[in-house]
Structure formats: structure tokens, C-alpha cells
N, C-alpha and C. Protein backbone atom coordinates (compact mmCIF):
# COMPACT_ATOMS: atom_id res chain seq x y z
N MET A 1 -33.90 -17.17 62.79
CA MET A 1 -34.67 -18.37 63.03
C MET A 1 -36.17 -18.08 63.09
N GLY A 2 -36.49 -16.83 63.44
CA GLY A 2 -37.89 -16.44 63.47
C GLY A 2 -38.52 -16.45 62.10
N ILE A 3 -37.77 -15.98 61.10
CA ILE A 3 -38.32 -15.96 59.75
C ILE A 3 -38.49 -17.40 59.23
N ALA A 4 -37.55 -18.26 59.50
CA ALA A 4 -37.67 -19.67 59.08
C ALA A 4 -38.86 -20.34 59.75
N SER A 5 -39.05 -20.04 61.00
CA SER A 5 -40.20 -20.62 61.72
C SER A 5 -41.52 -20.13 61.14
N LEU A 6 -41.55 -18.83 60.79
CA LEU A 6 -42.76 -18.24 60.20
C LEU A 6 -43.06 -18.87 58.85
N VAL A 7 -42.05 -19.01 58.03
CA VAL A 7 -42.24 -19.62 56.69
C VAL A 7 -42.66 -21.08 56.82
N LEU A 8 -42.02 -21.82 57.72
CA LEU A 8 -42.41 -23.21 57.90
C LEU A 8 -43.82 -23.36 58.46
N GLY A 9 -44.22 -22.45 59.35
CA GLY A 9 -45.57 -22.46 59.86
C GLY A 9 -46.60 -22.23 58.78
N ILE A 10 -46.34 -21.24 57.89
CA ILE A 10 -47.24 -20.96 56.80
C ILE A 10 -47.34 -22.15 55.85
N VAL A 11 -46.19 -22.72 55.49
CA VAL A 11 -46.16 -23.86 54.58
C VAL A 11 -46.86 -25.06 55.20
N GLY A 12 -46.66 -25.26 56.51
CA GLY A 12 -47.31 -26.37 57.20
C GLY A 12 -48.83 -26.23 57.21
N VAL A 13 -49.33 -25.03 57.43
CA VAL A 13 -50.79 -24.79 57.43
C VAL A 13 -51.35 -25.04 56.02
N VAL A 14 -50.64 -24.55 55.01
CA VAL A 14 -51.11 -24.77 53.62
C VAL A 14 -51.10 -26.28 53.29
N PHE A 15 -50.05 -26.95 53.67
CA PHE A 15 -49.98 -28.40 53.41
C PHE A 15 -51.10 -29.16 54.12
N SER A 16 -51.43 -28.75 55.36
CA SER A 16 -52.47 -29.46 56.08
C SER A 16 -53.84 -29.22 55.45
N PHE A 17 -54.02 -28.05 54.80
CA PHE A 17 -55.30 -27.81 54.14
C PHE A 17 -55.43 -28.55 52.83
N ILE A 18 -54.33 -28.81 52.13
CA ILE A 18 -54.44 -29.50 50.83
C ILE A 18 -54.29 -30.99 50.97
N GLY A 19 -54.12 -31.50 52.18
CA GLY A 19 -54.14 -32.93 52.38
C GLY A 19 -52.79 -33.62 52.50
N LEU A 20 -51.74 -32.89 52.60
CA LEU A 20 -50.41 -33.51 52.81
C LEU A 20 -50.10 -33.52 54.29
N TYR A 21 -50.64 -34.49 55.01
CA TYR A 21 -50.62 -34.47 56.46
C TYR A 21 -49.24 -34.77 57.04
N LEU A 22 -48.58 -35.78 56.51
CA LEU A 22 -47.27 -36.12 57.06
C LEU A 22 -46.23 -35.03 56.84
N PRO A 23 -46.11 -34.47 55.64
CA PRO A 23 -45.18 -33.35 55.47
C PRO A 23 -45.56 -32.14 56.33
N ALA A 24 -46.87 -31.89 56.48
CA ALA A 24 -47.33 -30.76 57.28
C ALA A 24 -46.92 -30.95 58.76
N ALA A 25 -47.06 -32.18 59.25
CA ALA A 25 -46.71 -32.44 60.64
C ALA A 25 -45.19 -32.31 60.85
N ILE A 26 -44.40 -32.83 59.91
CA ILE A 26 -42.94 -32.75 60.02
C ILE A 26 -42.47 -31.30 59.94
N ILE A 27 -43.01 -30.57 58.98
CA ILE A 27 -42.63 -29.15 58.82
C ILE A 27 -43.08 -28.38 60.05
N GLY A 28 -44.24 -28.69 60.60
CA GLY A 28 -44.72 -28.02 61.78
C GLY A 28 -43.82 -28.24 62.99
N VAL A 29 -43.36 -29.47 63.17
CA VAL A 29 -42.49 -29.78 64.30
C VAL A 29 -41.15 -29.03 64.17
N VAL A 30 -40.63 -29.00 62.95
CA VAL A 30 -39.39 -28.25 62.71
C VAL A 30 -39.61 -26.77 62.98
N GLY A 31 -40.75 -26.25 62.57
CA GLY A 31 -41.11 -24.86 62.81
C GLY A 31 -41.24 -24.56 64.29
N ILE A 32 -41.78 -25.49 65.07
CA ILE A 32 -41.91 -25.31 66.51
C ILE A 32 -40.52 -25.21 67.13
N ILE A 33 -39.64 -26.08 66.72
CA ILE A 33 -38.27 -26.07 67.26
C ILE A 33 -37.57 -24.75 66.93
N LEU A 34 -37.65 -24.34 65.66
CA LEU A 34 -37.00 -23.10 65.25
C LEU A 34 -37.64 -21.89 65.93
N GLY A 35 -38.94 -21.93 66.12
CA GLY A 35 -39.61 -20.80 66.79
C GLY A 35 -39.19 -20.66 68.24
N ALA A 36 -39.06 -21.78 68.91
CA ALA A 36 -38.63 -21.77 70.31
C ALA A 36 -37.19 -21.27 70.41
N LEU A 37 -36.32 -21.74 69.52
CA LEU A 37 -34.94 -21.28 69.51
C LEU A 37 -34.82 -19.81 69.12
N GLY A 38 -35.68 -19.38 68.21
CA GLY A 38 -35.66 -17.99 67.78
C GLY A 38 -36.10 -17.04 68.88
N ARG A 39 -37.04 -17.48 69.70
CA ARG A 39 -37.48 -16.63 70.83
C ARG A 39 -36.38 -16.46 71.87
N LYS A 40 -35.53 -17.49 72.02
CA LYS A 40 -34.44 -17.40 73.00
C LYS A 40 -33.26 -16.60 72.51
N ARG A 41 -32.88 -16.81 71.23
CA ARG A 41 -31.61 -16.27 70.72
C ARG A 41 -31.71 -14.83 70.23
N THR A 42 -32.82 -14.47 69.61
CA THR A 42 -32.91 -13.13 69.03
C THR A 42 -34.09 -12.37 69.64
N PRO A 43 -33.87 -11.62 70.70
CA PRO A 43 -34.97 -10.90 71.33
C PRO A 43 -35.56 -9.79 70.47
N GLU A 44 -34.79 -9.26 69.51
CA GLU A 44 -35.31 -8.18 68.68
C GLU A 44 -36.32 -8.67 67.65
N LYS A 45 -36.28 -9.96 67.31
CA LYS A 45 -37.24 -10.53 66.38
C LYS A 45 -38.13 -11.54 67.09
N LYS A 46 -38.45 -11.25 68.31
CA LYS A 46 -39.25 -12.17 69.14
C LYS A 46 -40.67 -12.31 68.60
N GLY A 47 -41.23 -11.23 68.05
CA GLY A 47 -42.59 -11.28 67.54
C GLY A 47 -42.72 -12.21 66.34
N MET A 48 -41.76 -12.17 65.43
CA MET A 48 -41.79 -13.04 64.28
C MET A 48 -41.60 -14.50 64.69
N ALA A 49 -40.73 -14.74 65.64
CA ALA A 49 -40.55 -16.11 66.14
C ALA A 49 -41.81 -16.62 66.83
N THR A 50 -42.48 -15.74 67.56
CA THR A 50 -43.73 -16.14 68.22
C THR A 50 -44.82 -16.46 67.20
N ALA A 51 -44.93 -15.63 66.16
CA ALA A 51 -45.91 -15.91 65.10
C ALA A 51 -45.60 -17.24 64.40
N GLY A 52 -44.33 -17.50 64.14
CA GLY A 52 -43.95 -18.78 63.56
C GLY A 52 -44.25 -19.96 64.45
N LEU A 53 -44.00 -19.77 65.72
CA LEU A 53 -44.32 -20.82 66.71
C LEU A 53 -45.80 -21.11 66.75
N VAL A 54 -46.61 -20.08 66.76
CA VAL A 54 -48.07 -20.27 66.79
C VAL A 54 -48.55 -20.93 65.50
N LEU A 55 -48.06 -20.48 64.36
CA LEU A 55 -48.49 -21.08 63.08
C LEU A 55 -48.04 -22.53 62.98
N SER A 56 -46.87 -22.83 63.48
CA SER A 56 -46.38 -24.22 63.44
C SER A 56 -47.22 -25.11 64.33
N ILE A 57 -47.59 -24.62 65.48
CA ILE A 57 -48.49 -25.41 66.38
C ILE A 57 -49.84 -25.63 65.70
N ILE A 58 -50.37 -24.60 65.05
CA ILE A 58 -51.65 -24.74 64.34
C ILE A 58 -51.50 -25.76 63.20
N ALA A 59 -50.36 -25.72 62.50
CA ALA A 59 -50.14 -26.65 61.40
C ALA A 59 -50.14 -28.10 61.89
N VAL A 60 -49.45 -28.36 62.98
CA VAL A 60 -49.40 -29.73 63.52
C VAL A 60 -50.79 -30.16 63.99
N ALA A 61 -51.51 -29.27 64.66
CA ALA A 61 -52.84 -29.63 65.13
C ALA A 61 -53.80 -29.88 63.98
N LEU A 62 -53.75 -29.04 62.97
CA LEU A 62 -54.62 -29.26 61.79
C LEU A 62 -54.27 -30.56 61.07
N ALA A 63 -53.01 -30.83 60.96
CA ALA A 63 -52.60 -32.08 60.28
C ALA A 63 -53.12 -33.30 61.03
N LEU A 64 -52.97 -33.27 62.35
CA LEU A 64 -53.46 -34.43 63.15
C LEU A 64 -54.96 -34.55 63.13
N ILE A 65 -55.66 -33.44 63.29
CA ILE A 65 -57.13 -33.48 63.28
C ILE A 65 -57.66 -33.96 61.92
N THR A 66 -57.09 -33.43 60.86
CA THR A 66 -57.57 -33.82 59.53
C THR A 66 -57.24 -35.27 59.22
N TYR A 67 -56.04 -35.72 59.66
CA TYR A 67 -55.69 -37.12 59.46
C TYR A 67 -56.65 -38.05 60.20
N ILE A 68 -56.96 -37.71 61.44
CA ILE A 68 -57.87 -38.54 62.25
C ILE A 68 -59.26 -38.54 61.59
N ALA A 69 -59.73 -37.39 61.12
CA ALA A 69 -61.04 -37.32 60.50
C ALA A 69 -61.08 -38.13 59.20
N CYS A 70 -60.00 -38.10 58.42
CA CYS A 70 -59.94 -38.90 57.19
C CYS A 70 -59.93 -40.37 57.46
N MET A 71 -59.19 -40.77 58.50
CA MET A 71 -59.14 -42.19 58.84
C MET A 71 -60.51 -42.67 59.37
N ALA A 72 -61.21 -41.83 60.10
CA ALA A 72 -62.54 -42.19 60.55
C ALA A 72 -63.51 -42.33 59.39
N CYS A 73 -63.38 -41.46 58.41
CA CYS A 73 -64.24 -41.49 57.24
C CYS A 73 -63.95 -42.75 56.42
N VAL A 74 -62.70 -43.08 56.24
CA VAL A 74 -62.35 -44.26 55.48
C VAL A 74 -62.82 -45.52 56.21
N SER A 75 -62.69 -45.53 57.53
CA SER A 75 -63.18 -46.67 58.30
C SER A 75 -64.67 -46.83 58.20
N ALA A 76 -65.40 -45.72 58.24
CA ALA A 76 -66.86 -45.81 58.12
C ALA A 76 -67.27 -46.27 56.72
N ALA A 77 -66.57 -45.82 55.71
CA ALA A 77 -66.88 -46.24 54.36
C ALA A 77 -66.55 -47.74 54.19
N ASN A 78 -65.48 -48.18 54.78
CA ASN A 78 -65.08 -49.61 54.70
C ASN A 78 -66.12 -50.47 55.39
N SER A 79 -66.57 -50.05 56.55
CA SER A 79 -67.59 -50.87 57.26
C SER A 79 -68.92 -50.86 56.51
N ALA A 80 -69.25 -49.73 55.85
CA ALA A 80 -70.49 -49.69 55.07
C ALA A 80 -70.40 -50.59 53.87
N ILE A 81 -69.25 -50.62 53.22
CA ILE A 81 -69.08 -51.51 52.06
C ILE A 81 -69.10 -52.98 52.47
N ASN A 82 -68.50 -53.29 53.62
CA ASN A 82 -68.49 -54.67 54.09
C ASN A 82 -69.88 -55.12 54.53
N SER A 83 -70.71 -54.22 55.00
CA SER A 83 -72.06 -54.61 55.43
C SER A 83 -72.96 -54.87 54.21
N LEU A 84 -72.63 -54.32 53.05
CA LEU A 84 -73.42 -54.58 51.84
C LEU A 84 -73.07 -55.92 51.21
N ALA A 85 -71.86 -56.38 51.43
CA ALA A 85 -71.44 -57.62 50.77
C ALA A 85 -71.90 -58.84 51.50
């Protein structure tokens, strides 16, 4: 489960950088769950599960921050266009 969490964390971070916010958030949440389970069940691969957990948390945070920033930018552009009309 540690390897799956690590892979999902990496994919989630990449998705959040290229603008796929919803898939990045979903993949990140699944990675968080798998990372937490991996830390409990396999103590010999605890480091990989921890890395996956951290990357998944970063993926979810980046997806949310970028989504909020994009919505703020769209809202500002909408209000600027409406003030011109």
C-alpha cells in the first residue's frame, strides 16, 4: 500500500500542476487513505508509506489552493468585464 500511496501522491502533484484539480484532489484523498493504511499494516515499508502520505497531502493542498486562485482570477476578470459594459 505504501507504493500505491507514493505513486498516487506523485500523480496527484503532477495533476495539480497541470490544472486537473478535481482528479488531483480525488487521487490525493485516495493516496492519503492508502498511506495511512500502509503505515499501520506494513512496518517494514513505513518510509515509503510516509512519503506517499506526505505527497498526497501536498497534492490535495495544491489542488485546493490552485482551484481557489483560479476561481478568484475568473471572478476578478468577470467583474472587470461587467464594469466595462
